[in-house]
Amino acid sequence: MAMMELAAARRQGTGKEINRKRLVQGKVPGIIYGKGLETRALEFERRSLEKFLTTARRGTVVVKMNVEGDSGASESFAVLKEVQTDPRTDRVIHVDFYEVALGRKFRIEVPIKLRGKAAGIELGGVMEQVVRSLEVECTPDNVPEFIELNVSHLGIGQSMQLGHVTFPEGVQPVEKDMKMTIASVHTPRVEEVVTPTPEEGAEAAEGASVAEPAEKDKEKP
């Protein structure tokens, strides 16, 4: 898959107040970490970061990160792990990246996309996607943006299982249960409406109390 590039700079100083000032200046704080690696505090230009996130959120993307002021390697490879947003404005306020090594396998969640309209839907069936992402193991240069499944042949009562999935070369699922259901077409659930039978209605009428006439309404002798 093609890699994206993203510029970053080492972040000096931490804390809510300092990060708040960065956000006002058009910068977004973040971190990059990895297995056995030092966690580094970074900052990104908001405009370039948001452009990257627009693409990254549509699938799984490996990014080549050029870190300004970083001692040692001038570039790192990473995948997006978490995006924090302001609940009031929905603007990005922090990002986490996981650093990976080229040529070394690692595990990552990859989204699943269904393609086609299942044949069973034309007959009144309902498509249900049970699994929306799969954890796979691969090297950074083999990470698929998503896994696509063609479900157009599925009829009512049929399903796509993990064993039906064709993975790209160099990509293996972590899950070993090949019978795990990913998507299925089933008949729509109909709620049963219970109506009282005539016998039940008659019993209810017999059990009802009969009002006695008021004392003043009784006939005088």
C-alpha atoms as a PDB file:
ATOM      1  CA  MET A   1       0.000   0.000   0.000  1.00  0.00           C
ATOM      2  CA  ALA A   2       1.124   3.593  -0.527  1.00  0.00           C
ATOM      3  CA  MET A   3       2.404   5.382   2.555  1.00  0.00           C
ATOM      4  CA  MET A   4       1.465   8.895   3.556  1.00  0.00           C
ATOM      5  CA  GLU A   5       3.903  11.445   4.910  1.00  0.00           C
ATOM      6  CA  LEU A   6       3.372  13.699   7.896  1.00  0.00           C
ATOM      7  CA  ALA A   7       5.667  16.312   9.417  1.00  0.00           C
ATOM      8  CA  ALA A   8       6.060  16.613  13.183  1.00  0.00           C
ATOM      9  CA  ALA A   9       8.277  18.368  15.711  1.00  0.00           C
ATOM     10  CA  ARG A  10       9.528  17.357  19.136  1.00  0.00           C
ATOM     11  CA  ARG A  11       7.297  18.918  21.776  1.00  0.00           C
ATOM     12  CA  GLN A  12       8.996  20.810  24.587  1.00  0.00           C
ATOM     13  CA  GLY A  13       6.986  21.043  27.780  1.00  0.00           C
ATOM     14  CA  THR A  14       3.773  19.269  28.718  1.00  0.00           C
ATOM     15  CA  GLY A  15       0.650  20.004  30.705  1.00  0.00           C
ATOM     16  CA  LYS A  16      -2.878  21.250  30.025  1.00  0.00           C
ATOM     17  CA  GLU A  17      -2.001  24.945  29.979  1.00  0.00           C
ATOM     18  CA  ILE A  18       0.914  24.511  27.571  1.00  0.00           C
ATOM     19  CA  ASN A  19      -1.142  22.262  25.285  1.00  0.00           C
ATOM     20  CA  ARG A  20      -4.000  24.763  25.340  1.00  0.00           C
ATOM     21  CA  LYS A  21      -1.633  27.461  24.066  1.00  0.00           C
ATOM     22  CA  ARG A  22      -0.443  25.126  21.311  1.00  0.00           C
ATOM     23  CA  LEU A  23      -4.019  24.571  20.163  1.00  0.00           C
ATOM     24  CA  VAL A  24      -4.580  28.334  20.002  1.00  0.00           C
ATOM     25  CA  GLN A  25      -1.428  28.629  17.870  1.00  0.00           C
ATOM     26  CA  GLY A  26      -2.753  26.085  15.363  1.00  0.00           C
ATOM     27  CA  LYS A  27      -0.709  23.146  16.618  1.00  0.00           C
ATOM     28  CA  VAL A  28      -1.971  19.787  17.911  1.00  0.00           C
ATOM     29  CA  PRO A  29      -0.068  17.822  20.593  1.00  0.00           C
ATOM     30  CA  GLY A  30       0.505  14.100  20.246  1.00  0.00           C
ATOM     31  CA  ILE A  31       2.779  11.200  21.108  1.00  0.00           C
ATOM     32  CA  ILE A  32       4.488   8.352  19.301  1.00  0.00           C
ATOM     33  CA  TYR A  33       5.363   5.131  21.096  1.00  0.00           C
ATOM     34  CA  GLY A  34       6.215   1.533  20.254  1.00  0.00           C
ATOM     35  CA  LYS A  35       7.274  -1.805  21.667  1.00  0.00           C
ATOM     36  CA  GLY A  36      10.570  -1.336  23.482  1.00  0.00           C
ATOM     37  CA  LEU A  37      10.836   2.260  22.223  1.00  0.00           C
ATOM     38  CA  GLU A  38      10.927   5.592  23.992  1.00  0.00           C
ATOM     39  CA  THR A  39       7.650   7.510  24.068  1.00  0.00           C
ATOM     40  CA  ARG A  40       8.180  10.871  22.373  1.00  0.00           C
ATOM     41  CA  ALA A  41       6.040  13.980  22.755  1.00  0.00           C
ATOM     42  CA  LEU A  42       5.293  15.604  19.383  1.00  0.00           C
ATOM     43  CA  GLU A  43       3.323  18.457  17.899  1.00  0.00           C
ATOM     44  CA  PHE A  44       1.705  18.754  14.469  1.00  0.00           C
ATOM     45  CA  GLU A  45       0.473  21.607  12.305  1.00  0.00           C
ATOM     46  CA  ARG A  46      -3.316  21.394  12.524  1.00  0.00           C
ATOM     47  CA  ARG A  47      -3.921  21.883   8.797  1.00  0.00           C
ATOM     48  CA  SER A  48      -1.590  19.075   7.680  1.00  0.00           C
ATOM     49  CA  LEU A  49      -2.763  16.760  10.472  1.00  0.00           C
ATOM     50  CA  GLU A  50      -6.452  17.192   9.628  1.00  0.00           C
ATOM     51  CA  LYS A  51      -5.706  16.550   5.955  1.00  0.00           C
ATOM     52  CA  PHE A  52      -3.952  13.327   6.953  1.00  0.00           C
ATOM     53  CA  LEU A  53      -6.825  12.281   9.244  1.00  0.00           C
ATOM     54  CA  THR A  54      -9.367  12.737   6.452  1.00  0.00           C
ATOM     55  CA  THR A  55      -7.662   9.889   4.591  1.00  0.00           C
ATOM     56  CA  ALA A  56      -6.553   7.841   7.600  1.00  0.00           C
ATOM     57  CA  ARG A  57     -10.079   7.545   8.998  1.00  0.00           C
ATOM     58  CA  ARG A  58     -11.306   5.878   5.802  1.00  0.00           C
ATOM     59  CA  GLY A  59      -8.993   2.921   6.306  1.00  0.00           C
ATOM     60  CA  THR A  60      -5.718   1.770   7.785  1.00  0.00           C
ATOM     61  CA  VAL A  61      -2.779   3.942   6.784  1.00  0.00           C
ATOM     62  CA  VAL A  62       0.946   3.662   7.517  1.00  0.00           C
ATOM     63  CA  VAL A  63       2.565   7.082   7.805  1.00  0.00           C
ATOM     64  CA  LYS A  64       6.183   8.050   7.261  1.00  0.00           C
ATOM     65  CA  MET A  65       6.745  10.672   9.911  1.00  0.00           C
ATOM     66  CA  ASN A  66       9.522  13.223   9.527  1.00  0.00           C
ATOM     67  CA  VAL A  67      10.299  14.478  13.018  1.00  0.00           C
ATOM     68  CA  GLU A  68      12.065  17.827  13.278  1.00  0.00           C
ATOM     69  CA  GLY A  69      14.689  17.975  16.022  1.00  0.00           C
ATOM     70  CA  ASP A  70      14.593  14.234  16.598  1.00  0.00           C
ATOM     71  CA  SER A  71      17.994  12.835  17.581  1.00  0.00           C
ATOM     72  CA  GLY A  72      18.929   9.714  15.683  1.00  0.00           C
ATOM     73  CA  ALA A  73      16.736   8.563  12.784  1.00  0.00           C
ATOM     74  CA  SER A  74      15.268  11.398  10.755  1.00  0.00           C
ATOM     75  CA  GLU A  75      12.090   9.502   9.983  1.00  0.00           C
ATOM     76  CA  SER A  76       9.800   7.041  11.721  1.00  0.00           C
ATOM     77  CA  PHE A  77       7.026   4.776  10.458  1.00  0.00           C
ATOM     78  CA  ALA A  78       3.816   4.588  12.438  1.00  0.00           C
ATOM     79  CA  VAL A  79       0.087   3.862  12.401  1.00  0.00           C
ATOM     80  CA  LEU A  80      -2.632   6.002  13.933  1.00  0.00           C
ATOM     81  CA  LYS A  81      -3.885   4.571  17.233  1.00  0.00           C
ATOM     82  CA  GLU A  82      -6.141   7.193  18.812  1.00  0.00           C
ATOM     83  CA  VAL A  83      -7.644  10.600  18.102  1.00  0.00           C
ATOM     84  CA  GLN A  84      -9.027  12.750  20.915  1.00  0.00           C
ATOM     85  CA  THR A  85     -11.528  15.476  20.083  1.00  0.00           C
ATOM     86  CA  ASP A  86     -13.137  18.326  21.980  1.00  0.00           C
ATOM     87  CA  PRO A  87     -16.705  17.171  22.851  1.00  0.00           C
ATOM     88  CA  ARG A  88     -18.046  20.705  22.299  1.00  0.00           C
ATOM     89  CA  THR A  89     -16.388  21.607  19.007  1.00  0.00           C
ATOM     90  CA  ASP A  90     -15.389  18.143  17.678  1.00  0.00           C
ATOM     91  CA  ARG A  91     -11.933  19.554  16.859  1.00  0.00           C
ATOM     92  CA  VAL A  92      -8.873  17.328  17.249  1.00  0.00           C
ATOM     93  CA  ILE A  93      -6.962  18.067  20.473  1.00  0.00           C
ATOM     94  CA  HIS A  94      -4.528  15.108  20.710  1.00  0.00           C
ATOM     95  CA  VAL A  95      -3.307  12.159  18.614  1.00  0.00           C
ATOM     96  CA  ASP A  96      -1.448   8.929  19.400  1.00  0.00           C
ATOM     97  CA  PHE A  97       0.753   7.050  16.930  1.00  0.00           C
ATOM     98  CA  TYR A  98       2.249   3.557  17.279  1.00  0.00           C
ATOM     99  CA  GLU A  99       5.737   3.231  15.808  1.00  0.00           C
ATOM    100  CA  VAL A 100       6.491   0.184  13.657  1.00  0.00           C
ATOM    101  CA  ALA A 101       9.642  -1.180  12.015  1.00  0.00           C
ATOM    102  CA  LEU A 102       9.758  -1.869   8.280  1.00  0.00           C
ATOM    103  CA  GLY A 103      10.153  -5.575   7.566  1.00  0.00           C
ATOM    104  CA  ARG A 104       8.961  -6.602  11.035  1.00  0.00           C
ATOM    105  CA  LYS A 105       5.465  -8.039  11.516  1.00  0.00           C
ATOM    106  CA  PHE A 106       3.048  -6.441  13.940  1.00  0.00           C
ATOM    107  CA  ARG A 107      -0.669  -6.669  14.729  1.00  0.00           C
ATOM    108  CA  ILE A 108      -3.228  -4.103  13.654  1.00  0.00           C
ATOM    109  CA  GLU A 109      -7.022  -3.744  13.365  1.00  0.00           C
ATOM    110  CA  VAL A 110      -8.224  -3.422   9.773  1.00  0.00           C
ATOM    111  CA  PRO A 111     -11.810  -2.374   8.899  1.00  0.00           C
ATOM    112  CA  ILE A 112     -14.112  -4.676   6.897  1.00  0.00           C
ATOM    113  CA  LYS A 113     -16.186  -3.288   4.023  1.00  0.00           C
ATOM    114  CA  LEU A 114     -19.075  -5.194   2.442  1.00  0.00           C
ATOM    115  CA  ARG A 115     -19.506  -4.908  -1.329  1.00  0.00           C
ATOM    116  CA  GLY A 116     -22.650  -5.625  -3.298  1.00  0.00           C
ATOM    117  CA  LYS A 117     -26.301  -6.097  -2.410  1.00  0.00           C
ATOM    118  CA  ALA A 118     -27.101  -9.550  -1.063  1.00  0.00           C
ATOM    119  CA  ALA A 119     -29.575 -11.560  -3.162  1.00  0.00           C
ATOM    120  CA  GLY A 120     -31.542 -12.353  -0.009  1.00  0.00           C
ATOM    121  CA  ILE A 121     -32.394  -8.699   0.533  1.00  0.00           C
ATOM    122  CA  GLU A 122     -34.527  -8.763  -2.639  1.00  0.00           C
ATOM    123  CA  LEU A 123     -36.565 -11.525  -0.977  1.00  0.00           C
ATOM    124  CA  GLY A 124     -37.146  -9.537   2.198  1.00  0.00           C
ATOM    125  CA  GLY A 125     -34.036 -10.581   4.108  1.00  0.00           C
ATOM    126  CA  VAL A 126     -31.963  -8.312   6.336  1.00  0.00           C
ATOM    127  CA  MET A 127     -28.173  -7.981   6.105  1.00  0.00           C
ATOM    128  CA  GLU A 128     -26.339  -8.013   9.438  1.00  0.00           C
ATOM    129  CA  GLN A 129     -22.622  -7.255   9.699  1.00  0.00           C
ATOM    130  CA  VAL A 130     -21.478  -9.031  12.857  1.00  0.00           C
ATOM    131  CA  VAL A 131     -17.755  -8.173  12.633  1.00  0.00           C
ATOM    132  CA  ARG A 132     -16.649  -4.717  11.465  1.00  0.00           C
ATOM    133  CA  SER A 133     -12.880  -5.087  11.795  1.00  0.00           C
ATOM    134  CA  LEU A 134     -10.295  -7.847  12.012  1.00  0.00           C
ATOM    135  CA  GLU A 135      -6.943  -7.969  13.751  1.00  0.00           C
ATOM    136  CA  VAL A 136      -4.282  -9.063  11.287  1.00  0.00           C
ATOM    137  CA  GLU A 137      -0.543  -9.646  11.396  1.00  0.00           C
ATOM    138  CA  CYS A 138       1.714  -8.252   8.678  1.00  0.00           C
ATOM    139  CA  THR A 139       4.629  -5.951   7.960  1.00  0.00           C
ATOM    140  CA  PRO A 140       4.007  -2.181   7.649  1.00  0.00           C
ATOM    141  CA  ASP A 141       4.404  -2.237   3.856  1.00  0.00           C
ATOM    142  CA  ASN A 142       1.671  -4.898   3.558  1.00  0.00           C
ATOM    143  CA  VAL A 143      -1.022  -3.294   5.722  1.00  0.00           C
ATOM    144  CA  PRO A 144      -4.306  -3.239   3.743  1.00  0.00           C
ATOM    145  CA  GLU A 145      -6.421  -0.079   4.036  1.00  0.00           C
ATOM    146  CA  PHE A 146      -9.454  -2.342   4.491  1.00  0.00           C
ATOM    147  CA  ILE A 147     -10.670  -5.869   3.780  1.00  0.00           C
ATOM    148  CA  GLU A 148     -13.454  -6.025   1.183  1.00  0.00           C
ATOM    149  CA  LEU A 149     -16.018  -8.834   1.097  1.00  0.00           C
ATOM    150  CA  ASN A 150     -18.412  -9.448  -1.799  1.00  0.00           C
ATOM    151  CA  VAL A 151     -21.769 -10.433  -0.266  1.00  0.00           C
ATOM    152  CA  SER A 152     -23.943 -10.161  -3.398  1.00  0.00           C
ATOM    153  CA  HIS A 153     -24.388 -13.957  -3.587  1.00  0.00           C
ATOM    154  CA  LEU A 154     -25.759 -14.382  -0.062  1.00  0.00           C
ATOM    155  CA  GLY A 155     -29.328 -15.638   0.212  1.00  0.00           C
ATOM    156  CA  ILE A 156     -31.588 -15.721   3.259  1.00  0.00           C
ATOM    157  CA  GLY A 157     -30.050 -17.925   5.940  1.00  0.00           C
ATOM    158  CA  GLN A 158     -26.555 -17.746   4.429  1.00  0.00           C
ATOM    159  CA  SER A 159     -23.458 -16.135   5.925  1.00  0.00           C
ATOM    160  CA  MET A 160     -19.855 -15.146   5.235  1.00  0.00           C
ATOM    161  CA  GLN A 161     -17.382 -16.702   7.641  1.00  0.00           C
ATOM    162  CA  LEU A 162     -13.735 -15.960   8.315  1.00  0.00           C
ATOM    163  CA  GLY A 163     -12.761 -18.998   6.249  1.00  0.00           C
ATOM    164  CA  HIS A 164     -14.381 -17.387   3.186  1.00  0.00           C
ATOM    165  CA  VAL A 165     -12.123 -14.318   3.343  1.00  0.00           C
ATOM    166  CA  THR A 166      -9.228 -14.016   0.894  1.00  0.00           C
ATOM    167  CA  PHE A 167      -6.433 -12.030   2.526  1.00  0.00           C
ATOM    168  CA  PRO A 168      -3.731 -10.168   0.591  1.00  0.00           C
ATOM    169  CA  GLU A 169      -0.335 -11.816   0.323  1.00  0.00           C
ATOM    170  CA  GLY A 170       1.649 -11.412   3.524  1.00  0.00           C
ATOM    171  CA  VAL A 171      -1.432 -10.749   5.670  1.00  0.00           C
ATOM    172  CA  GLN A 172      -2.767 -13.332   8.140  1.00  0.00           C
ATOM    173  CA  PRO A 173      -5.719 -13.070  10.544  1.00  0.00           C
ATOM    174  CA  VAL A 174      -4.949 -13.361  14.250  1.00  0.00           C
ATOM    175  CA  GLU A 175      -8.294 -15.103  14.874  1.00  0.00           C
ATOM    176  CA  LYS A 176      -8.045 -18.855  14.215  1.00  0.00           C
ATOM    177  CA  ASP A 177     -11.752 -19.766  14.269  1.00  0.00           C
ATOM    178  CA  MET A 178     -12.491 -20.044  10.548  1.00  0.00           C
ATOM    179  CA  LYS A 179     -16.211 -20.524  11.267  1.00  0.00           C
ATOM    180  CA  MET A 180     -16.561 -17.102  12.884  1.00  0.00           C
ATOM    181  CA  THR A 181     -19.465 -15.278  11.205  1.00  0.00           C
ATOM    182  CA  ILE A 182     -18.649 -11.903   9.693  1.00  0.00           C
ATOM    183  CA  ALA A 183     -21.934 -11.113   7.930  1.00  0.00           C
ATOM    184  CA  SER A 184     -25.232 -12.905   7.375  1.00  0.00           C
ATOM    185  CA  VAL A 185     -28.666 -12.474   5.808  1.00  0.00           C
ATOM    186  CA  HIS A 186     -31.624 -13.423   7.966  1.00  0.00           C
ATOM    187  CA  THR A 187     -35.391 -13.045   7.882  1.00  0.00           C
ATOM    188  CA  PRO A 188     -36.634  -9.914   9.637  1.00  0.00           C
ATOM    189  CA  ARG A 189     -37.777 -10.410  13.193  1.00  0.00           C
ATOM    190  CA  VAL A 190     -41.523  -9.874  13.584  1.00  0.00           C
ATOM    191  CA  GLU A 191     -42.943  -9.171  17.020  1.00  0.00           C
ATOM    192  CA  GLU A 192     -45.871 -11.451  17.790  1.00  0.00           C
ATOM    193  CA  VAL A 193     -49.018  -9.587  18.794  1.00  0.00           C
ATOM    194  CA  VAL A 194     -51.083 -11.588  21.294  1.00  0.00           C
ATOM    195  CA  THR A 195     -54.855 -11.012  21.078  1.00  0.00           C
ATOM    196  CA  PRO A 196     -57.296 -12.421  23.637  1.00  0.00           C
ATOM    197  CA  THR A 197     -59.340 -15.436  22.480  1.00  0.00           C
ATOM    198  CA  PRO A 198     -63.171 -15.346  22.656  1.00  0.00           C
ATOM    199  CA  GLU A 199     -63.037 -17.663  25.683  1.00  0.00           C
ATOM    200  CA  GLU A 200     -60.706 -15.263  27.486  1.00  0.00           C
ATOM    201  CA  GLY A 201     -63.070 -12.381  26.711  1.00  0.00           C
ATOM    202  CA  ALA A 202     -66.069 -14.298  27.994  1.00  0.00           C
ATOM    203  CA  GLU A 203     -64.287 -15.214  31.221  1.00  0.00           C
ATOM    204  CA  ALA A 204     -63.364 -11.586  31.738  1.00  0.00           C
ATOM    205  CA  ALA A 205     -67.000 -10.563  31.303  1.00  0.00           C
ATOM    206  CA  GLU A 206     -68.213 -13.221  33.759  1.00  0.00           C
ATOM    207  CA  GLY A 207     -65.669 -12.144  36.336  1.00  0.00           C
ATOM    208  CA  ALA A 208     -66.701  -8.492  36.170  1.00  0.00           C
ATOM    209  CA  SER A 209     -68.656  -7.137  39.154  1.00  0.00           C
ATOM    210  CA  VAL A 210     -72.282  -6.059  38.642  1.00  0.00           C
ATOM    211  CA  ALA A 211     -73.170  -2.665  40.039  1.00  0.00           C
ATOM    212  CA  GLU A 212     -75.980  -2.666  42.624  1.00  0.00           C
ATOM    213  CA  PRO A 213     -78.684  -0.015  42.189  1.00  0.00           C
ATOM    214  CA  ALA A 214     -78.384   2.917  44.553  1.00  0.00           C
ATOM    215  CA  GLU A 215     -80.637   2.925  47.651  1.00  0.00           C
ATOM    216  CA  LYS A 216     -82.717   5.837  46.376  1.00  0.00           C
ATOM    217  CA  ASP A 217     -83.293   4.096  43.057  1.00  0.00           C
ATOM    218  CA  LYS A 218     -84.866   1.005  44.642  1.00  0.00           C
ATOM    219  CA  GLU A 219     -88.640   0.737  44.236  1.00  0.00           C
ATOM    220  CA  LYS A 220     -90.620   1.732  47.285  1.00  0.00           C
ATOM    221  CA  PRO A 221     -93.127  -0.866  48.590  1.00  0.00           C
END
